[in-house]
Structures are given as structure tokens and as C-alpha cells.
Amino acid sequence: MHRICEDMRKIKRLWFPGSGRPAILVGANSVTHIEPYSENGQMEAVPWFAIYHRDVIMERVNAAHVASVEYQEG
């Protein structure tokens, strides 16, 4: 199994059940793609998601706040 930042599959949707926040879906609300990356933490790399709107990062989401990741088929 790959870590989120090592998984090369394209992400379709990020889910936030129970938080009151709607899912982030590629193709909706000008979201063109979602890309995982990591930033240095105190002891370990911390996974984040960059949310692109028309190929510009408009939001960064800490992976700790994401309940699940849905990947595109194929």
C-alpha cells in the first residue's frame, strides 16, 4: 500500500463526513484537480492536499481533516 503522497492515481473527491463541510469534487466549483503533497512537520512530513481551481492553488487542506479520498477510475 502506498502513502497518500506516493500514490500516483488521480484524485476524484475528498470527503469530510460529519464535519458539515461539503465534499471537494474535481469538475465542480471550478476544481480542476486535487494533488497530494507533504510539508515538513516537527517530526515527520505532514500530508496535505492542494486544491486547484483553473490550475491555480486556491486552497490547501490538511489530510488530517479528510475522512476519505476517492480516486478516479482507470
N, C-alpha and C. Protein backbone atom coordinates (compact mmCIF):
# COMPACT_ATOMS: atom_id res chain seq x y z
N MET A 1 0.84 -1.17 0.00
CA MET A 1 0.00 0.00 0.00
C MET A 1 0.89 1.24 0.00
N HIS A 2 0.51 2.23 -0.80
CA HIS A 2 1.27 3.47 -0.90
C HIS A 2 0.74 4.51 0.08
N ARG A 3 1.62 5.38 0.53
CA ARG A 3 1.17 6.54 1.30
C ARG A 3 0.46 7.49 0.34
N ILE A 4 -0.35 8.38 0.87
CA ILE A 4 -1.13 9.28 0.03
C ILE A 4 -0.24 10.05 -0.95
N CYS A 5 0.87 10.56 -0.48
CA CYS A 5 1.74 11.37 -1.34
C CYS A 5 2.51 10.55 -2.37
N GLU A 6 2.56 9.24 -2.19
CA GLU A 6 3.25 8.35 -3.13
C GLU A 6 2.30 7.73 -4.14
N ASP A 7 1.01 7.82 -3.89
CA ASP A 7 0.01 7.21 -4.77
C ASP A 7 -0.16 8.09 -6.00
N MET A 8 0.09 7.55 -7.17
CA MET A 8 0.09 8.32 -8.40
C MET A 8 -1.29 8.40 -9.08
N ARG A 9 -2.30 7.73 -8.50
CA ARG A 9 -3.64 7.79 -9.09
C ARG A 9 -4.21 9.21 -8.95
N LYS A 10 -5.08 9.58 -9.89
CA LYS A 10 -5.72 10.89 -9.84
C LYS A 10 -6.86 10.86 -8.83
N ILE A 11 -6.94 11.92 -8.04
CA ILE A 11 -7.98 12.02 -7.01
C ILE A 11 -9.23 12.63 -7.62
N LYS A 12 -10.37 12.02 -7.32
CA LYS A 12 -11.66 12.49 -7.80
C LYS A 12 -12.37 13.36 -6.76
N ARG A 13 -12.30 12.93 -5.47
CA ARG A 13 -13.08 13.62 -4.45
C ARG A 13 -12.46 13.45 -3.07
N LEU A 14 -12.57 14.49 -2.25
CA LEU A 14 -12.20 14.43 -0.83
C LEU A 14 -13.50 14.52 -0.03
N TRP A 15 -13.66 13.63 0.94
CA TRP A 15 -14.88 13.58 1.76
C TRP A 15 -14.60 14.09 3.18
N PHE A 16 -15.58 14.79 3.74
CA PHE A 16 -15.50 15.32 5.10
C PHE A 16 -16.76 14.97 5.90
N PRO A 17 -17.20 13.70 5.93
CA PRO A 17 -18.45 13.36 6.61
C PRO A 17 -18.46 13.80 8.08
N GLY A 18 -19.61 14.28 8.50
CA GLY A 18 -19.79 14.67 9.89
C GLY A 18 -19.24 16.05 10.23
N SER A 19 -18.55 16.69 9.31
CA SER A 19 -17.94 17.98 9.61
C SER A 19 -18.83 19.15 9.19
N GLY A 20 -19.84 18.86 8.38
CA GLY A 20 -20.68 19.92 7.85
C GLY A 20 -20.10 20.55 6.59
N ARG A 21 -18.88 20.16 6.25
CA ARG A 21 -18.24 20.68 5.04
C ARG A 21 -18.59 19.78 3.86
N PRO A 22 -18.96 20.37 2.72
CA PRO A 22 -19.25 19.54 1.55
C PRO A 22 -17.98 18.92 0.97
N ALA A 23 -18.15 17.83 0.25
CA ALA A 23 -17.01 17.18 -0.41
C ALA A 23 -16.42 18.12 -1.44
N ILE A 24 -15.13 17.95 -1.72
CA ILE A 24 -14.46 18.68 -2.80
C ILE A 24 -14.35 17.71 -3.97
N LEU A 25 -14.95 18.08 -5.09
CA LEU A 25 -15.06 17.19 -6.24
C LEU A 25 -14.42 17.83 -7.46
N VAL A 26 -13.54 17.09 -8.12
CA VAL A 26 -12.96 17.56 -9.38
C VAL A 26 -14.08 17.70 -10.40
N GLY A 27 -14.13 18.85 -11.06
CA GLY A 27 -15.17 19.12 -12.04
C GLY A 27 -16.30 19.98 -11.50
N ALA A 28 -16.36 20.17 -10.19
CA ALA A 28 -17.39 21.01 -9.57
C ALA A 28 -16.74 22.27 -9.01
N ASN A 29 -17.45 23.37 -9.07
CA ASN A 29 -16.97 24.64 -8.50
C ASN A 29 -15.60 25.04 -9.00
N SER A 30 -15.34 24.81 -10.27
CA SER A 30 -14.08 25.19 -10.93
C SER A 30 -12.86 24.40 -10.46
N VAL A 31 -13.05 23.30 -9.70
CA VAL A 31 -11.91 22.48 -9.26
C VAL A 31 -11.42 21.67 -10.46
N THR A 32 -10.16 21.88 -10.83
CA THR A 32 -9.60 21.18 -11.99
C THR A 32 -8.84 19.92 -11.59
N HIS A 33 -8.18 19.95 -10.43
CA HIS A 33 -7.56 18.73 -9.91
C HIS A 33 -7.17 18.92 -8.45
N ILE A 34 -6.91 17.79 -7.80
CA ILE A 34 -6.52 17.73 -6.40
C ILE A 34 -5.20 16.98 -6.35
N GLU A 35 -4.22 17.57 -5.73
CA GLU A 35 -2.88 16.98 -5.71
C GLU A 35 -2.37 16.83 -4.27
N PRO A 36 -1.99 15.61 -3.87
CA PRO A 36 -1.42 15.43 -2.54
C PRO A 36 0.05 15.86 -2.53
N TYR A 37 0.48 16.37 -1.41
CA TYR A 37 1.89 16.73 -1.24
C TYR A 37 2.19 16.71 0.25
N SER A 38 3.42 16.90 0.63
CA SER A 38 3.76 16.92 2.06
C SER A 38 4.56 18.17 2.39
N GLU A 39 4.42 18.61 3.62
CA GLU A 39 5.19 19.72 4.16
C GLU A 39 5.87 19.21 5.43
N ASN A 40 6.99 19.80 5.75
CA ASN A 40 7.73 19.39 6.93
C ASN A 40 6.95 19.72 8.20
N GLY A 41 6.85 18.72 9.08
CA GLY A 41 6.27 18.92 10.39
C GLY A 41 7.38 18.90 11.42
N GLN A 42 7.05 18.81 12.68
CA GLN A 42 8.08 18.80 13.72
C GLN A 42 8.90 17.52 13.70
N MET A 43 8.26 16.39 13.45
CA MET A 43 8.96 15.11 13.50
C MET A 43 8.86 14.31 12.20
N GLU A 44 7.90 14.64 11.37
CA GLU A 44 7.60 13.83 10.18
C GLU A 44 6.94 14.72 9.14
N ALA A 45 6.98 14.30 7.90
CA ALA A 45 6.28 15.01 6.84
C ALA A 45 4.77 14.93 7.08
N VAL A 46 4.07 16.03 6.88
CA VAL A 46 2.63 16.11 7.09
C VAL A 46 1.94 16.15 5.72
N PRO A 47 1.01 15.21 5.46
CA PRO A 47 0.33 15.20 4.16
C PRO A 47 -0.73 16.29 4.06
N TRP A 48 -0.78 16.93 2.91
CA TRP A 48 -1.75 17.97 2.58
C TRP A 48 -2.32 17.69 1.20
N PHE A 49 -3.40 18.36 0.87
CA PHE A 49 -3.97 18.33 -0.47
C PHE A 49 -4.03 19.75 -1.00
N ALA A 50 -3.51 19.96 -2.21
CA ALA A 50 -3.64 21.24 -2.90
C ALA A 50 -4.87 21.15 -3.79
N ILE A 51 -5.77 22.12 -3.65
CA ILE A 51 -6.99 22.16 -4.44
C ILE A 51 -6.81 23.22 -5.52
N TYR A 52 -6.82 22.78 -6.76
CA TYR A 52 -6.59 23.68 -7.90
C TYR A 52 -7.92 24.11 -8.52
N HIS A 53 -8.06 25.41 -8.72
CA HIS A 53 -9.18 25.99 -9.46
C HIS A 53 -8.57 26.62 -10.70
N ARG A 54 -8.93 26.06 -11.84
CA ARG A 54 -8.37 26.53 -13.11
C ARG A 54 -6.84 26.58 -13.05
N ASP A 55 -6.25 25.55 -12.51
CA ASP A 55 -4.80 25.35 -12.45
C ASP A 55 -4.05 26.31 -11.54
N VAL A 56 -4.74 26.95 -10.61
CA VAL A 56 -4.12 27.79 -9.60
C VAL A 56 -4.53 27.23 -8.23
N ILE A 57 -3.57 27.06 -7.32
CA ILE A 57 -3.92 26.57 -5.99
C ILE A 57 -4.77 27.62 -5.29
N MET A 58 -6.00 27.24 -4.94
CA MET A 58 -6.90 28.15 -4.25
C MET A 58 -7.12 27.75 -2.80
N GLU A 59 -6.73 26.52 -2.46
CA GLU A 59 -6.93 26.04 -1.09
C GLU A 59 -5.96 24.91 -0.81
N ARG A 60 -5.55 24.82 0.43
CA ARG A 60 -4.73 23.70 0.90
C ARG A 60 -5.46 23.08 2.08
N VAL A 61 -5.60 21.76 2.06
CA VAL A 61 -6.34 21.05 3.10
C VAL A 61 -5.42 20.05 3.77
N ASN A 62 -5.33 20.13 5.09
CA ASN A 62 -4.54 19.16 5.85
C ASN A 62 -5.24 17.81 5.77
N ALA A 63 -4.51 16.77 5.44
CA ALA A 63 -5.10 15.44 5.28
C ALA A 63 -5.74 14.92 6.56
N ALA A 64 -5.35 15.44 7.70
CA ALA A 64 -5.95 15.01 8.97
C ALA A 64 -7.44 15.37 9.03
N HIS A 65 -7.88 16.33 8.22
CA HIS A 65 -9.27 16.76 8.22
C HIS A 65 -10.12 16.05 7.17
N VAL A 66 -9.50 15.16 6.41
CA VAL A 66 -10.20 14.44 5.33
C VAL A 66 -10.56 13.05 5.83
N ALA A 67 -11.85 12.69 5.69
CA ALA A 67 -12.29 11.37 6.14
C ALA A 67 -11.95 10.28 5.14
N SER A 68 -12.04 10.60 3.83
CA SER A 68 -11.70 9.61 2.82
C SER A 68 -11.36 10.30 1.50
N VAL A 69 -10.61 9.54 0.69
CA VAL A 69 -10.17 10.01 -0.62
C VAL A 69 -10.75 9.05 -1.67
N GLU A 70 -11.40 9.61 -2.67
CA GLU A 70 -11.93 8.79 -3.77
C GLU A 70 -11.09 9.05 -5.01
N TYR A 71 -10.66 7.99 -5.65
CA TYR A 71 -9.79 8.09 -6.83
C TYR A 71 -10.61 7.94 -8.11
N GLN A 72 -10.12 8.53 -9.19
CA GLN A 72 -10.75 8.37 -10.49
C GLN A 72 -10.53 6.95 -10.99
N GLU A 73 -11.49 6.43 -11.74
CA GLU A 73 -11.35 5.09 -12.31
C GLU A 73 -10.40 5.12 -13.48
N GLY A 74 -9.74 3.98 -13.67
CA GLY A 74 -8.86 3.83 -14.82
C GLY A 74 -7.55 4.39 -14.57
